Full PDB file with SEQRES, HELIX, SHEET, SSBOND, CRYST1, ORIGX, SCALE, CONECT and MASTER records, all heavy atoms in Angstrom:
SEQRES   1 A   37  ARG ILE THR GLY GLY SER ARG VAL TYR ALA SER GLY GLY          
SEQRES   2 A   37  GLY PRO ALA LEU ASN VAL TYR GLN SER THR THR ALA GLY          
SEQRES   3 A   37  THR THR GLU VAL THR LEU ALA VAL TRP TYR VAL                  
SHEET    1 AA1 2 SER A   6  SER A  11  0                                        
SHEET    2 AA1 2 GLY A  14  TYR A  20 -1                                        
CRYST1    1.000    1.000    1.000  90.00  90.00  90.00 P 1           1          
ORIGX1      1.000000  0.000000  0.000000        0.00000                         
ORIGX2      0.000000  1.000000  0.000000        0.00000                         
ORIGX3      0.000000  0.000000  1.000000        0.00000                         
SCALE1      1.000000  0.000000  0.000000        0.00000                         
SCALE2      0.000000  1.000000  0.000000        0.00000                         
SCALE3      0.000000  0.000000  1.000000        0.00000                         
ATOM      1  N   ARG A   1    -131.260-134.772-235.556  1.00  0.00           N  
ATOM      2  CA  ARG A   1    -130.520-133.985-236.545  1.00  0.00           C  
ATOM      3  C   ARG A   1    -129.004-134.192-236.465  1.00  0.00           C  
ATOM      4  O   ARG A   1    -128.253-133.459-237.077  1.00  0.00           O  
ATOM      5  CB  ARG A   1    -130.823-132.502-236.340  1.00  0.00           C  
ATOM      6  CG  ARG A   1    -132.279-132.198-236.556  1.00  0.00           C  
ATOM      7  CD  ARG A   1    -132.533-130.724-236.426  1.00  0.00           C  
ATOM      8  NE  ARG A   1    -133.945-130.479-236.591  1.00  0.00           N  
ATOM      9  CZ  ARG A   1    -134.673-129.741-235.775  1.00  0.00           C  
ATOM     10  NH1 ARG A   1    -134.115-129.146-234.758  1.00  0.00           N  
ATOM     11  NH2 ARG A   1    -135.953-129.589-235.994  1.00  0.00           N  
ATOM     12  N   ILE A   2    -128.587-135.195-235.695  1.00  0.00           N  
ATOM     13  CA  ILE A   2    -127.146-135.410-235.491  1.00  0.00           C  
ATOM     14  C   ILE A   2    -126.703-136.639-236.273  1.00  0.00           C  
ATOM     15  O   ILE A   2    -127.054-137.766-235.941  1.00  0.00           O  
ATOM     16  CB  ILE A   2    -126.822-135.607-234.002  1.00  0.00           C  
ATOM     17  CG1 ILE A   2    -127.333-134.399-233.204  1.00  0.00           C  
ATOM     18  CG2 ILE A   2    -125.337-135.829-233.792  1.00  0.00           C  
ATOM     19  CD1 ILE A   2    -127.379-134.630-231.714  1.00  0.00           C  
ATOM     20  N   THR A   3    -125.952-136.425-237.346  1.00  0.00           N  
ATOM     21  CA  THR A   3    -125.414-137.540-238.108  1.00  0.00           C  
ATOM     22  C   THR A   3    -124.441-138.304-237.225  1.00  0.00           C  
ATOM     23  O   THR A   3    -123.585-137.715-236.584  1.00  0.00           O  
ATOM     24  CB  THR A   3    -124.681-137.027-239.364  1.00  0.00           C  
ATOM     25  OG1 THR A   3    -125.598-136.242-240.134  1.00  0.00           O  
ATOM     26  CG2 THR A   3    -124.156-138.184-240.207  1.00  0.00           C  
ATOM     27  N   GLY A   4    -124.572-139.611-237.156  1.00  0.00           N  
ATOM     28  CA  GLY A   4    -123.697-140.421-236.313  1.00  0.00           C  
ATOM     29  C   GLY A   4    -123.944-140.225-234.833  1.00  0.00           C  
ATOM     30  O   GLY A   4    -123.084-140.537-234.010  1.00  0.00           O  
ATOM     31  N   GLY A   5    -125.125-139.745-234.476  1.00  0.00           N  
ATOM     32  CA  GLY A   5    -125.441-139.448-233.076  1.00  0.00           C  
ATOM     33  C   GLY A   5    -126.001-140.596-232.280  1.00  0.00           C  
ATOM     34  O   GLY A   5    -126.360-140.430-231.125  1.00  0.00           O  
ATOM     35  N   SER A   6    -126.083-141.802-232.876  1.00  0.00           N  
ATOM     36  CA  SER A   6    -126.587-142.933-232.099  1.00  0.00           C  
ATOM     37  C   SER A   6    -125.748-144.177-232.359  1.00  0.00           C  
ATOM     38  O   SER A   6    -125.103-144.301-233.401  1.00  0.00           O  
ATOM     39  CB  SER A   6    -128.054-143.211-232.420  1.00  0.00           C  
ATOM     40  OG  SER A   6    -128.177-143.816-233.685  1.00  0.00           O  
ATOM     41  N   ARG A   7    -125.763-145.082-231.401  1.00  0.00           N  
ATOM     42  CA  ARG A   7    -125.071-146.357-231.489  1.00  0.00           C  
ATOM     43  C   ARG A   7    -126.014-147.430-230.965  1.00  0.00           C  
ATOM     44  O   ARG A   7    -126.716-147.214-229.980  1.00  0.00           O  
ATOM     45  CB  ARG A   7    -123.813-146.386-230.614  1.00  0.00           C  
ATOM     46  CG  ARG A   7    -122.785-145.314-230.864  1.00  0.00           C  
ATOM     47  CD  ARG A   7    -121.984-145.605-232.125  1.00  0.00           C  
ATOM     48  NE  ARG A   7    -120.849-144.725-232.300  1.00  0.00           N  
ATOM     49  CZ  ARG A   7    -120.921-143.477-232.771  1.00  0.00           C  
ATOM     50  NH1 ARG A   7    -122.061-142.946-233.063  1.00  0.00           N  
ATOM     51  NH2 ARG A   7    -119.818-142.770-232.925  1.00  0.00           N  
ATOM     52  N   VAL A   8    -125.999-148.591-231.606  1.00  0.00           N  
ATOM     53  CA  VAL A   8    -126.735-149.749-231.113  1.00  0.00           C  
ATOM     54  C   VAL A   8    -125.698-150.765-230.673  1.00  0.00           C  
ATOM     55  O   VAL A   8    -124.783-151.096-231.445  1.00  0.00           O  
ATOM     56  CB  VAL A   8    -127.683-150.343-232.180  1.00  0.00           C  
ATOM     57  CG1 VAL A   8    -128.347-151.612-231.656  1.00  0.00           C  
ATOM     58  CG2 VAL A   8    -128.738-149.311-232.592  1.00  0.00           C  
ATOM     59  N   TYR A   9    -125.836-151.239-229.443  1.00  0.00           N  
ATOM     60  CA  TYR A   9    -124.897-152.194-228.873  1.00  0.00           C  
ATOM     61  C   TYR A   9    -125.576-153.544-228.665  1.00  0.00           C  
ATOM     62  O   TYR A   9    -126.766-153.607-228.371  1.00  0.00           O  
ATOM     63  CB  TYR A   9    -124.345-151.699-227.535  1.00  0.00           C  
ATOM     64  CG  TYR A   9    -123.507-150.461-227.708  1.00  0.00           C  
ATOM     65  CD1 TYR A   9    -123.982-149.215-227.340  1.00  0.00           C  
ATOM     66  CD2 TYR A   9    -122.237-150.553-228.246  1.00  0.00           C  
ATOM     67  CE1 TYR A   9    -123.209-148.075-227.512  1.00  0.00           C  
ATOM     68  CE2 TYR A   9    -121.452-149.417-228.410  1.00  0.00           C  
ATOM     69  CZ  TYR A   9    -121.955-148.190-228.042  1.00  0.00           C  
ATOM     70  OH  TYR A   9    -121.168-147.084-228.215  1.00  0.00           O  
ATOM     71  N   ALA A  10    -124.778-154.606-228.805  1.00  0.00           N  
ATOM     72  CA  ALA A  10    -125.281-155.963-228.585  1.00  0.00           C  
ATOM     73  C   ALA A  10    -125.118-156.337-227.118  1.00  0.00           C  
ATOM     74  O   ALA A  10    -124.210-155.882-226.433  1.00  0.00           O  
ATOM     75  CB  ALA A  10    -124.517-156.957-229.462  1.00  0.00           C  
ATOM     76  N   SER A  11    -126.031-157.179-226.677  1.00  0.00           N  
ATOM     77  CA  SER A  11    -125.966-157.720-225.329  1.00  0.00           C  
ATOM     78  C   SER A  11    -126.813-158.991-225.325  1.00  0.00           C  
ATOM     79  O   SER A  11    -127.923-158.987-225.837  1.00  0.00           O  
ATOM     80  CB  SER A  11    -126.514-156.718-224.315  1.00  0.00           C  
ATOM     81  OG  SER A  11    -126.371-157.212-223.004  1.00  0.00           O  
ATOM     82  N   GLY A  12    -126.267-160.055-224.756  1.00  0.00           N  
ATOM     83  CA  GLY A  12    -127.023-161.292-224.688  1.00  0.00           C  
ATOM     84  C   GLY A  12    -127.276-161.943-226.027  1.00  0.00           C  
ATOM     85  O   GLY A  12    -128.218-162.686-226.207  1.00  0.00           O  
ATOM     86  N   GLY A  13    -126.446-161.625-227.022  1.00  0.00           N  
ATOM     87  CA  GLY A  13    -126.562-162.269-228.319  1.00  0.00           C  
ATOM     88  C   GLY A  13    -127.288-161.493-229.396  1.00  0.00           C  
ATOM     89  O   GLY A  13    -127.391-161.944-230.525  1.00  0.00           O  
ATOM     90  N   GLY A  14    -127.823-160.332-229.069  1.00  0.00           N  
ATOM     91  CA  GLY A  14    -128.531-159.558-230.088  1.00  0.00           C  
ATOM     92  C   GLY A  14    -128.507-158.081-229.752  1.00  0.00           C  
ATOM     93  O   GLY A  14    -128.062-157.682-228.689  1.00  0.00           O  
ATOM     94  N   PRO A  15    -128.998-157.239-230.689  1.00  0.00           N  
ATOM     95  CA  PRO A  15    -129.043-155.805-230.422  1.00  0.00           C  
ATOM     96  C   PRO A  15    -129.942-155.539-229.228  1.00  0.00           C  
ATOM     97  O   PRO A  15    -131.032-156.078-229.144  1.00  0.00           O  
ATOM     98  CB  PRO A  15    -129.624-155.205-231.692  1.00  0.00           C  
ATOM     99  CG  PRO A  15    -129.845-156.306-232.636  1.00  0.00           C  
ATOM    100  CD  PRO A  15    -129.554-157.598-231.959  1.00  0.00           C  
ATOM    101  N   ALA A  16    -129.472-154.760-228.266  1.00  0.00           N  
ATOM    102  CA  ALA A  16    -130.250-154.583-227.054  1.00  0.00           C  
ATOM    103  C   ALA A  16    -130.297-153.150-226.541  1.00  0.00           C  
ATOM    104  O   ALA A  16    -131.213-152.789-225.834  1.00  0.00           O  
ATOM    105  CB  ALA A  16    -129.679-155.481-225.955  1.00  0.00           C  
ATOM    106  N   LEU A  17    -129.299-152.349-226.871  1.00  0.00           N  
ATOM    107  CA  LEU A  17    -129.197-151.041-226.256  1.00  0.00           C  
ATOM    108  C   LEU A  17    -128.907-149.990-227.314  1.00  0.00           C  
ATOM    109  O   LEU A  17    -127.917-150.067-228.033  1.00  0.00           O  
ATOM    110  CB  LEU A  17    -128.053-151.061-225.222  1.00  0.00           C  
ATOM    111  CG  LEU A  17    -127.851-149.837-224.358  1.00  0.00           C  
ATOM    112  CD1 LEU A  17    -129.058-149.609-223.459  1.00  0.00           C  
ATOM    113  CD2 LEU A  17    -126.600-150.009-223.516  1.00  0.00           C  
ATOM    114  N   ASN A  18    -129.797-149.012-227.421  1.00  0.00           N  
ATOM    115  CA  ASN A  18    -129.629-147.893-228.336  1.00  0.00           C  
ATOM    116  C   ASN A  18    -129.217-146.692-227.505  1.00  0.00           C  
ATOM    117  O   ASN A  18    -129.921-146.297-226.582  1.00  0.00           O  
ATOM    118  CB  ASN A  18    -130.945-147.600-229.068  1.00  0.00           C  
ATOM    119  CG  ASN A  18    -130.823-146.426-230.009  1.00  0.00           C  
ATOM    120  OD1 ASN A  18    -129.887-146.363-230.800  1.00  0.00           O  
ATOM    121  ND2 ASN A  18    -131.759-145.502-229.936  1.00  0.00           N  
ATOM    122  N   VAL A  19    -128.049-146.136-227.804  1.00  0.00           N  
ATOM    123  CA  VAL A  19    -127.541-144.966-227.103  1.00  0.00           C  
ATOM    124  C   VAL A  19    -127.555-143.819-228.098  1.00  0.00           C  
ATOM    125  O   VAL A  19    -126.994-143.947-229.183  1.00  0.00           O  
ATOM    126  CB  VAL A  19    -126.114-145.231-226.566  1.00  0.00           C  
ATOM    127  CG1 VAL A  19    -125.537-143.983-225.930  1.00  0.00           C  
ATOM    128  CG2 VAL A  19    -126.119-146.396-225.590  1.00  0.00           C  
ATOM    129  N   TYR A  20    -128.209-142.723-227.738  1.00  0.00           N  
ATOM    130  CA  TYR A  20    -128.331-141.609-228.694  1.00  0.00           C  
ATOM    131  C   TYR A  20    -128.129-140.276-228.000  1.00  0.00           C  
ATOM    132  O   TYR A  20    -128.445-140.106-226.828  1.00  0.00           O  
ATOM    133  CB  TYR A  20    -129.695-141.641-229.383  1.00  0.00           C  
ATOM    134  CG  TYR A  20    -130.849-141.381-228.440  1.00  0.00           C  
ATOM    135  CD1 TYR A  20    -131.436-140.128-228.370  1.00  0.00           C  
ATOM    136  CD2 TYR A  20    -131.339-142.394-227.624  1.00  0.00           C  
ATOM    137  CE1 TYR A  20    -132.480-139.873-227.501  1.00  0.00           C  
ATOM    138  CE2 TYR A  20    -132.395-142.168-226.770  1.00  0.00           C  
ATOM    139  CZ  TYR A  20    -132.966-140.902-226.708  1.00  0.00           C  
ATOM    140  OH  TYR A  20    -133.994-140.653-225.845  1.00  0.00           O  
ATOM    141  N   GLN A  21    -127.564-139.338-228.746  1.00  0.00           N  
ATOM    142  CA  GLN A  21    -127.320-138.006-228.214  1.00  0.00           C  
ATOM    143  C   GLN A  21    -128.616-137.224-228.174  1.00  0.00           C  
ATOM    144  O   GLN A  21    -129.359-137.176-229.146  1.00  0.00           O  
ATOM    145  CB  GLN A  21    -126.273-137.288-229.065  1.00  0.00           C  
ATOM    146  CG  GLN A  21    -125.823-135.980-228.451  1.00  0.00           C  
ATOM    147  CD  GLN A  21    -124.560-135.460-229.082  1.00  0.00           C  
ATOM    148  OE1 GLN A  21    -123.643-136.222-229.338  1.00  0.00           O  
ATOM    149  NE2 GLN A  21    -124.519-134.162-229.317  1.00  0.00           N  
ATOM    150  N   SER A  22    -128.869-136.608-227.015  1.00  0.00           N  
ATOM    151  CA  SER A  22    -130.108-135.850-226.831  1.00  0.00           C  
ATOM    152  C   SER A  22    -129.932-134.840-225.703  1.00  0.00           C  
ATOM    153  O   SER A  22    -129.142-135.058-224.785  1.00  0.00           O  
ATOM    154  CB  SER A  22    -131.254-136.812-226.481  1.00  0.00           C  
ATOM    155  OG  SER A  22    -132.408-136.080-226.111  1.00  0.00           O  
ATOM    156  N   THR A  23    -130.712-133.791-225.752  1.00  0.00           N  
ATOM    157  CA  THR A  23    -130.683-132.793-224.684  1.00  0.00           C  
ATOM    158  C   THR A  23    -131.386-133.295-223.422  1.00  0.00           C  
ATOM    159  O   THR A  23    -131.291-132.677-222.375  1.00  0.00           O  
ATOM    160  CB  THR A  23    -131.357-131.481-225.138  1.00  0.00           C  
ATOM    161  OG1 THR A  23    -132.694-131.780-225.545  1.00  0.00           O  
ATOM    162  CG2 THR A  23    -130.579-130.834-226.269  1.00  0.00           C  
ATOM    163  N   THR A  24    -132.075-134.431-223.504  1.00  0.00           N  
ATOM    164  CA  THR A  24    -132.777-134.983-222.340  1.00  0.00           C  
ATOM    165  C   THR A  24    -131.912-135.959-221.543  1.00  0.00           C  
ATOM    166  O   THR A  24    -132.395-136.606-220.619  1.00  0.00           O  
ATOM    167  CB  THR A  24    -134.068-135.713-222.772  1.00  0.00           C  
ATOM    168  OG1 THR A  24    -133.713-136.822-223.595  1.00  0.00           O  
ATOM    169  CG2 THR A  24    -135.007-134.781-223.508  1.00  0.00           C  
ATOM    170  N   ALA A  25    -130.652-136.060-221.845  1.00  0.00           N  
ATOM    171  CA  ALA A  25    -129.751-137.025-221.199  1.00  0.00           C  
ATOM    172  C   ALA A  25    -129.733-136.871-219.682  1.00  0.00           C  
ATOM    173  O   ALA A  25    -129.671-135.757-219.165  1.00  0.00           O  
ATOM    174  CB  ALA A  25    -128.340-136.864-221.744  1.00  0.00           C  
ATOM    175  N   GLY A  26    -129.792-138.021-219.002  1.00  0.00           N  
ATOM    176  CA  GLY A  26    -129.634-138.049-217.551  1.00  0.00           C  
ATOM    177  C   GLY A  26    -130.728-137.389-216.761  1.00  0.00           C  
ATOM    178  O   GLY A  26    -130.523-137.022-215.606  1.00  0.00           O  
ATOM    179  N   THR A  27    -131.911-137.234-217.321  1.00  0.00           N  
ATOM    180  CA  THR A  27    -132.985-136.528-216.614  1.00  0.00           C  
ATOM    181  C   THR A  27    -133.890-137.445-215.800  1.00  0.00           C  
ATOM    182  O   THR A  27    -134.802-136.964-215.150  1.00  0.00           O  
ATOM    183  CB  THR A  27    -133.860-135.708-217.597  1.00  0.00           C  
ATOM    184  OG1 THR A  27    -134.418-136.592-218.575  1.00  0.00           O  
ATOM    185  CG2 THR A  27    -133.049-134.630-218.281  1.00  0.00           C  
ATOM    186  N   THR A  28    -133.657-138.745-215.817  1.00  0.00           N  
ATOM    187  CA  THR A  28    -134.478-139.645-215.026  1.00  0.00           C  
ATOM    188  C   THR A  28    -133.646-140.280-213.918  1.00  0.00           C  
ATOM    189  O   THR A  28    -132.449-140.500-214.091  1.00  0.00           O  
ATOM    190  CB  THR A  28    -135.130-140.746-215.903  1.00  0.00           C  
ATOM    191  OG1 THR A  28    -135.986-141.533-215.080  1.00  0.00           O  
ATOM    192  CG2 THR A  28    -134.099-141.625-216.561  1.00  0.00           C  
ATOM    193  N   GLU A  29    -134.275-140.554-212.793  1.00  0.00           N  
ATOM    194  CA  GLU A  29    -133.567-141.147-211.672  1.00  0.00           C  
ATOM    195  C   GLU A  29    -133.810-142.644-211.559  1.00  0.00           C  
ATOM    196  O   GLU A  29    -133.277-143.288-210.664  1.00  0.00           O  
ATOM    197  CB  GLU A  29    -133.987-140.450-210.382  1.00  0.00           C  
ATOM    198  CG  GLU A  29    -133.576-138.985-210.356  1.00  0.00           C  
ATOM    199  CD  GLU A  29    -133.996-138.273-209.075  1.00  0.00           C  
ATOM    200  OE1 GLU A  29    -134.369-138.953-208.101  1.00  0.00           O  
ATOM    201  OE2 GLU A  29    -133.939-137.044-209.059  1.00  0.00           O  
ATOM    202  N   VAL A  30    -134.595-143.217-212.447  1.00  0.00           N  
ATOM    203  CA  VAL A  30    -134.939-144.640-212.354  1.00  0.00           C  
ATOM    204  C   VAL A  30    -133.863-145.498-213.007  1.00  0.00           C  
ATOM    205  O   VAL A  30    -133.048-145.018-213.790  1.00  0.00           O  
ATOM    206  CB  VAL A  30    -136.305-144.926-213.025  1.00  0.00           C  
ATOM    207  CG1 VAL A  30    -137.411-144.126-212.354  1.00  0.00           C  
ATOM    208  CG2 VAL A  30    -136.267-144.647-214.512  1.00  0.00           C  
ATOM    209  N   THR A  31    -133.874-146.779-212.688  1.00  0.00           N  
ATOM    210  CA  THR A  31    -132.982-147.731-213.338  1.00  0.00           C  
ATOM    211  C   THR A  31    -133.526-147.985-214.725  1.00  0.00           C  
ATOM    212  O   THR A  31    -134.679-148.384-214.897  1.00  0.00           O  
ATOM    213  CB  THR A  31    -132.925-149.052-212.534  1.00  0.00           C  
ATOM    214  OG1 THR A  31    -132.482-148.742-211.199  1.00  0.00           O  
ATOM    215  CG2 THR A  31    -131.984-150.048-213.183  1.00  0.00           C  
ATOM    216  N   LEU A  32    -132.710-147.760-215.744  1.00  0.00           N  
ATOM    217  CA  LEU A  32    -133.168-147.845-217.136  1.00  0.00           C  
ATOM    218  C   LEU A  32    -133.015-149.241-217.745  1.00  0.00           C  
ATOM    219  O   LEU A  32    -133.754-149.583-218.657  1.00  0.00           O  
ATOM    220  CB  LEU A  32    -132.405-146.823-217.989  1.00  0.00           C  
ATOM    221  CG  LEU A  32    -132.681-145.371-217.611  1.00  0.00           C  
ATOM    222  CD1 LEU A  32    -131.744-144.445-218.360  1.00  0.00           C  
ATOM    223  CD2 LEU A  32    -134.131-145.022-217.872  1.00  0.00           C  
ATOM    224  N   ALA A  33    -132.059-150.013-217.271  1.00  0.00           N  
ATOM    225  CA  ALA A  33    -131.855-151.363-217.807  1.00  0.00           C  
ATOM    226  C   ALA A  33    -131.114-152.194-216.779  1.00  0.00           C  
ATOM    227  O   ALA A  33    -130.371-151.655-215.956  1.00  0.00           O  
ATOM    228  CB  ALA A  33    -131.086-151.318-219.126  1.00  0.00           C  
ATOM    229  N   VAL A  34    -131.321-153.498-216.841  1.00  0.00           N  
ATOM    230  CA  VAL A  34    -130.683-154.424-215.899  1.00  0.00           C  
ATOM    231  C   VAL A  34    -130.045-155.560-216.690  1.00  0.00           C  
ATOM    232  O   VAL A  34    -130.664-156.118-217.585  1.00  0.00           O  
ATOM    233  CB  VAL A  34    -131.720-155.023-214.921  1.00  0.00           C  
ATOM    234  CG1 VAL A  34    -131.063-156.008-213.969  1.00  0.00           C  
ATOM    235  CG2 VAL A  34    -132.452-153.931-214.162  1.00  0.00           C  
ATOM    236  N   TRP A  35    -128.796-155.871-216.342  1.00  0.00           N  
ATOM    237  CA  TRP A  35    -128.144-157.058-216.882  1.00  0.00           C  
ATOM    238  C   TRP A  35    -128.259-158.156-215.838  1.00  0.00           C  
ATOM    239  O   TRP A  35    -127.916-157.939-214.662  1.00  0.00           O  
ATOM    240  CB  TRP A  35    -126.672-156.800-217.182  1.00  0.00           C  
ATOM    241  CG  TRP A  35    -126.409-156.098-218.457  1.00  0.00           C  
ATOM    242  CD1 TRP A  35    -126.246-156.679-219.679  1.00  0.00           C  
ATOM    243  CD2 TRP A  35    -126.233-154.695-218.670  1.00  0.00           C  
ATOM    244  NE1 TRP A  35    -125.991-155.726-220.633  1.00  0.00           N  
ATOM    245  CE2 TRP A  35    -125.982-154.498-220.037  1.00  0.00           C  
ATOM    246  CE3 TRP A  35    -126.269-153.594-217.820  1.00  0.00           C  
ATOM    247  CZ2 TRP A  35    -125.772-153.239-220.576  1.00  0.00           C  
ATOM    248  CZ3 TRP A  35    -126.059-152.335-218.362  1.00  0.00           C  
ATOM    249  CH2 TRP A  35    -125.820-152.171-219.718  1.00  0.00           C  
ATOM    250  N   TYR A  36    -128.759-159.310-216.227  1.00  0.00           N  
ATOM    251  CA  TYR A  36    -128.862-160.464-215.328  1.00  0.00           C  
ATOM    252  C   TYR A  36    -127.635-161.314-215.547  1.00  0.00           C  
ATOM    253  O   TYR A  36    -127.408-161.813-216.659  1.00  0.00           O  
ATOM    254  CB  TYR A  36    -130.163-161.226-215.608  1.00  0.00           C  
ATOM    255  CG  TYR A  36    -131.352-160.359-215.265  1.00  0.00           C  
ATOM    256  CD1 TYR A  36    -131.946-159.543-216.219  1.00  0.00           C  
ATOM    257  CD2 TYR A  36    -131.835-160.322-213.955  1.00  0.00           C  
ATOM    258  CE1 TYR A  36    -133.008-158.717-215.893  1.00  0.00           C  
ATOM    259  CE2 TYR A  36    -132.897-159.497-213.622  1.00  0.00           C  
ATOM    260  CZ  TYR A  36    -133.484-158.695-214.592  1.00  0.00           C  
ATOM    261  OH  TYR A  36    -134.524-157.867-214.255  1.00  0.00           O  
ATOM    262  N   VAL A  37    -126.820-161.449-214.515  1.00  0.00           N  
ATOM    263  CA  VAL A  37    -125.513-162.075-214.641  1.00  0.00           C  
ATOM    264  C   VAL A  37    -125.417-163.295-213.728  1.00  0.00           C  
ATOM    265  O   VAL A  37    -126.152-163.416-212.751  1.00  0.00           O  
ATOM    266  CB  VAL A  37    -124.387-161.070-214.330  1.00  0.00           C  
ATOM    267  CG1 VAL A  37    -124.430-159.893-215.286  1.00  0.00           C  
ATOM    268  CG2 VAL A  37    -124.455-160.588-212.891  1.00  0.00           C  
TER     269      VAL A  37                                                      
MASTER        0    0    0    0    2    0    0    6  268    1    0    3          
END                                                                             
């Protein structure tokens, strides 16, 4: 229900990461994504 509440970011040449506003933010302790450098 949040207008403008998400962003899609590019990584590695294409869209890769969707960041969105939510009340569930930061509730997991696992690694969510890895960049191979």
